[in-house]
Amino acid sequence: MGVVVAGLVLGGCADRTTYVAAGRTGLEARYDGVDVEVDLPANVPVPSVVAAGEQVLLRRGHTITASQATGQRGRVVGRPGSRRLHRKVEVDARQIPGATRVWVKVQPGGDEAASRSILEDMLIRMGF
């Protein structure tokens, strides 16, 4: 499980960014009040991230409403089984210089615990 390592306070205002150790390798993920973001090694293919996102969301009872991946970008969207829970989860991945960046967002409003948990499960599936 990820552990909150530090919360930042800048200029007298609370910055909503928190840093968490993610996965067994200690990757550093950031939560900014909306989504959790982590940079994976550049050799991690975007389609693998999308596949891990799909698998995790399906195991959690979500219905996949969108999924697409190219070599450079990918996205998967899932909705919980109950339509009464007007929520959706988005997993985005993109190749950037030197890394594969991954974002996990629960909407509306963001949900740090849920986003971190989904990311943790994805990282475990990918061997981190």
C-alpha atoms as a PDB file:
ATOM      1  CA  MET A   1       0.000   0.000   0.000  1.00  0.00           C
ATOM      2  CA  GLY A   2       1.139   3.526  -0.668  1.00  0.00           C
ATOM      3  CA  VAL A   3       2.145   5.604   2.307  1.00  0.00           C
ATOM      4  CA  VAL A   4       1.887   9.377   2.442  1.00  0.00           C
ATOM      5  CA  VAL A   5       5.445  10.605   2.646  1.00  0.00           C
ATOM      6  CA  ALA A   6       4.982  14.361   2.702  1.00  0.00           C
ATOM      7  CA  GLY A   7       2.363  17.075   2.310  1.00  0.00           C
ATOM      8  CA  LEU A   8       3.565  20.501   1.201  1.00  0.00           C
ATOM      9  CA  VAL A   9       2.613  23.937   2.471  1.00  0.00           C
ATOM     10  CA  LEU A  10       3.796  26.796   0.274  1.00  0.00           C
ATOM     11  CA  GLY A  11       3.456  30.515   0.838  1.00  0.00           C
ATOM     12  CA  GLY A  12       0.970  30.126   3.662  1.00  0.00           C
ATOM     13  CA  CYS A  13      -1.530  28.277   1.461  1.00  0.00           C
ATOM     14  CA  ALA A  14      -2.020  24.541   1.588  1.00  0.00           C
ATOM     15  CA  ASP A  15      -0.821  22.900  -1.624  1.00  0.00           C
ATOM     16  CA  ARG A  16      -3.004  19.853  -2.231  1.00  0.00           C
ATOM     17  CA  THR A  17      -0.073  17.876  -3.638  1.00  0.00           C
ATOM     18  CA  THR A  18       0.873  14.815  -1.619  1.00  0.00           C
ATOM     19  CA  TYR A  19       3.621  12.369  -2.430  1.00  0.00           C
ATOM     20  CA  VAL A  20       3.247   8.631  -1.934  1.00  0.00           C
ATOM     21  CA  ALA A  21       5.556   5.688  -2.323  1.00  0.00           C
ATOM     22  CA  ALA A  22       3.833   3.518  -4.907  1.00  0.00           C
ATOM     23  CA  GLY A  23       4.551  -0.103  -5.685  1.00  0.00           C
ATOM     24  CA  ARG A  24       7.307  -2.288  -4.307  1.00  0.00           C
ATOM     25  CA  THR A  25       9.981  -0.297  -6.112  1.00  0.00           C
ATOM     26  CA  GLY A  26       9.180   2.919  -4.283  1.00  0.00           C
ATOM     27  CA  LEU A  27       8.061   4.900  -7.312  1.00  0.00           C
ATOM     28  CA  GLU A  28       6.981   8.368  -6.252  1.00  0.00           C
ATOM     29  CA  ALA A  29       3.385   9.216  -7.114  1.00  0.00           C
ATOM     30  CA  ARG A  30       1.827  12.653  -6.724  1.00  0.00           C
ATOM     31  CA  TYR A  31      -1.753  13.559  -5.869  1.00  0.00           C
ATOM     32  CA  ASP A  32      -2.777  17.102  -6.768  1.00  0.00           C
ATOM     33  CA  GLY A  33      -6.370  17.142  -5.562  1.00  0.00           C
ATOM     34  CA  VAL A  34      -7.677  15.709  -8.835  1.00  0.00           C
ATOM     35  CA  ASP A  35      -5.542  12.769  -9.915  1.00  0.00           C
ATOM     36  CA  VAL A  36      -2.629  10.582  -8.926  1.00  0.00           C
ATOM     37  CA  GLU A  37       0.327  10.777 -11.302  1.00  0.00           C
ATOM     38  CA  VAL A  38       3.427   8.602 -11.525  1.00  0.00           C
ATOM     39  CA  ASP A  39       6.316   8.332 -13.949  1.00  0.00           C
ATOM     40  CA  LEU A  40       7.228   4.774 -14.902  1.00  0.00           C
ATOM     41  CA  PRO A  41      10.419   3.794 -16.714  1.00  0.00           C
ATOM     42  CA  ALA A  42      10.355   4.745 -20.404  1.00  0.00           C
ATOM     43  CA  ASN A  43      10.492   1.088 -21.448  1.00  0.00           C
ATOM     44  CA  VAL A  44       6.984   0.447 -20.039  1.00  0.00           C
ATOM     45  CA  PRO A  45       4.680   0.397 -23.087  1.00  0.00           C
ATOM     46  CA  VAL A  46       1.531   2.504 -23.003  1.00  0.00           C
ATOM     47  CA  PRO A  47      -0.649  -0.464 -24.132  1.00  0.00           C
ATOM     48  CA  SER A  48       0.584  -2.432 -21.086  1.00  0.00           C
ATOM     49  CA  VAL A  49      -0.520   0.379 -18.789  1.00  0.00           C
ATOM     50  CA  VAL A  50      -3.947   0.497 -20.454  1.00  0.00           C
ATOM     51  CA  ALA A  51      -4.303  -3.296 -20.190  1.00  0.00           C
ATOM     52  CA  ALA A  52      -3.412  -3.179 -16.481  1.00  0.00           C
ATOM     53  CA  GLY A  53      -5.956  -0.392 -15.970  1.00  0.00           C
ATOM     54  CA  GLU A  54      -8.670  -2.424 -17.695  1.00  0.00           C
ATOM     55  CA  GLN A  55      -7.891  -5.537 -15.652  1.00  0.00           C
ATOM     56  CA  VAL A  56      -7.932  -3.665 -12.342  1.00  0.00           C
ATOM     57  CA  LEU A  57     -11.176  -1.837 -13.115  1.00  0.00           C
ATOM     58  CA  LEU A  58     -12.897  -5.029 -14.277  1.00  0.00           C
ATOM     59  CA  ARG A  59     -11.802  -6.848 -11.095  1.00  0.00           C
ATOM     60  CA  ARG A  60     -13.328  -4.012  -9.089  1.00  0.00           C
ATOM     61  CA  GLY A  61     -16.685  -4.436 -10.837  1.00  0.00           C
ATOM     62  CA  HIS A  62     -16.436  -1.536 -13.253  1.00  0.00           C
ATOM     63  CA  THR A  63     -17.745  -1.558 -16.802  1.00  0.00           C
ATOM     64  CA  ILE A  64     -15.199  -0.364 -19.351  1.00  0.00           C
ATOM     65  CA  THR A  65     -16.831   2.425 -21.372  1.00  0.00           C
ATOM     66  CA  ALA A  66     -13.776   3.475 -23.380  1.00  0.00           C
ATOM     67  CA  SER A  67     -10.362   2.043 -24.083  1.00  0.00           C
ATOM     68  CA  GLN A  68      -7.759   3.040 -26.613  1.00  0.00           C
ATOM     69  CA  ALA A  69      -3.996   2.787 -26.870  1.00  0.00           C
ATOM     70  CA  THR A  70      -1.279   3.647 -29.320  1.00  0.00           C
ATOM     71  CA  GLY A  71       2.458   3.471 -28.833  1.00  0.00           C
ATOM     72  CA  GLN A  72       2.469   7.007 -27.416  1.00  0.00           C
ATOM     73  CA  ARG A  73      -0.888   7.524 -25.660  1.00  0.00           C
ATOM     74  CA  GLY A  74      -3.620   5.508 -24.069  1.00  0.00           C
ATOM     75  CA  ARG A  75      -6.761   5.834 -22.003  1.00  0.00           C
ATOM     76  CA  VAL A  76      -9.259   3.600 -20.290  1.00  0.00           C
ATOM     77  CA  VAL A  77     -12.505   4.731 -18.658  1.00  0.00           C
ATOM     78  CA  GLY A  78     -14.560   2.632 -16.280  1.00  0.00           C
ATOM     79  CA  ARG A  79     -17.833   3.149 -14.440  1.00  0.00           C
ATOM     80  CA  PRO A  80     -18.920   1.311 -11.303  1.00  0.00           C
ATOM     81  CA  GLY A  81     -21.627  -1.337 -11.612  1.00  0.00           C
ATOM     82  CA  SER A  82     -24.299   0.848 -10.014  1.00  0.00           C
ATOM     83  CA  ARG A  83     -25.522   3.727 -12.147  1.00  0.00           C
ATOM     84  CA  ARG A  84     -26.535   5.479  -8.937  1.00  0.00           C
ATOM     85  CA  LEU A  85     -22.851   6.097  -8.229  1.00  0.00           C
ATOM     86  CA  HIS A  86     -22.381   8.905 -10.734  1.00  0.00           C
ATOM     87  CA  ARG A  87     -18.649   8.284 -10.843  1.00  0.00           C
ATOM     88  CA  LYS A  88     -16.103   7.260 -13.380  1.00  0.00           C
ATOM     89  CA  VAL A  89     -12.458   6.302 -13.263  1.00  0.00           C
ATOM     90  CA  GLU A  90     -10.039   7.433 -15.933  1.00  0.00           C
ATOM     91  CA  VAL A  91      -6.573   5.987 -16.443  1.00  0.00           C
ATOM     92  CA  ASP A  92      -4.388   7.886 -18.888  1.00  0.00           C
ATOM     93  CA  ALA A  93      -0.864   7.049 -20.029  1.00  0.00           C
ATOM     94  CA  ARG A  94       1.533   8.967 -22.235  1.00  0.00           C
ATOM     95  CA  GLN A  95       5.110   8.543 -23.369  1.00  0.00           C
ATOM     96  CA  ILE A  96       7.121  11.590 -22.340  1.00  0.00           C
ATOM     97  CA  PRO A  97      10.875  12.102 -22.651  1.00  0.00           C
ATOM     98  CA  GLY A  98      12.495   9.515 -20.382  1.00  0.00           C
ATOM     99  CA  ALA A  99       9.309   8.052 -18.879  1.00  0.00           C
ATOM    100  CA  THR A 100       5.814   6.688 -19.306  1.00  0.00           C
ATOM    101  CA  ARG A 101       3.545   9.008 -17.310  1.00  0.00           C
ATOM    102  CA  VAL A 102       0.363   7.557 -15.809  1.00  0.00           C
ATOM    103  CA  TRP A 103      -2.600   9.410 -14.317  1.00  0.00           C
ATOM    104  CA  VAL A 104      -5.499   7.876 -12.381  1.00  0.00           C
ATOM    105  CA  LYS A 105      -8.516  10.081 -11.741  1.00  0.00           C
ATOM    106  CA  VAL A 106     -11.832   9.385 -10.017  1.00  0.00           C
ATOM    107  CA  GLN A 107     -14.560  11.824 -11.014  1.00  0.00           C
ATOM    108  CA  PRO A 108     -16.365  13.863  -9.995  1.00  0.00           C
ATOM    109  CA  GLY A 109     -14.290  15.648  -7.426  1.00  0.00           C
ATOM    110  CA  GLY A 110     -11.262  13.391  -7.180  1.00  0.00           C
ATOM    111  CA  ASP A 111     -10.728  10.667  -4.599  1.00  0.00           C
ATOM    112  CA  GLU A 112      -7.152  10.265  -3.411  1.00  0.00           C
ATOM    113  CA  ALA A 113      -7.628   6.949  -1.623  1.00  0.00           C
ATOM    114  CA  ALA A 114      -9.441   5.307  -4.546  1.00  0.00           C
ATOM    115  CA  SER A 115      -6.998   6.688  -7.122  1.00  0.00           C
ATOM    116  CA  ARG A 116      -3.985   5.517  -5.108  1.00  0.00           C
ATOM    117  CA  SER A 117      -5.518   2.075  -4.583  1.00  0.00           C
ATOM    118  CA  ILE A 118      -6.217   1.633  -8.304  1.00  0.00           C
ATOM    119  CA  LEU A 119      -2.688   2.774  -9.155  1.00  0.00           C
ATOM    120  CA  GLU A 120      -1.196   0.368  -6.598  1.00  0.00           C
ATOM    121  CA  ASP A 121      -3.119  -2.553  -8.094  1.00  0.00           C
ATOM    122  CA  MET A 122      -2.030  -1.556 -11.595  1.00  0.00           C
ATOM    123  CA  LEU A 123       1.620  -1.364 -10.541  1.00  0.00           C
ATOM    124  CA  ILE A 124       1.418  -4.789  -8.937  1.00  0.00           C
ATOM    125  CA  ARG A 125      -0.068  -6.218 -12.177  1.00  0.00           C
ATOM    126  CA  MET A 126       2.808  -4.657 -14.117  1.00  0.00           C
ATOM    127  CA  GLY A 127       5.431  -6.109 -11.767  1.00  0.00           C
ATOM    128  CA  PHE A 128       6.367  -2.999  -9.772  1.00  0.00           C
END
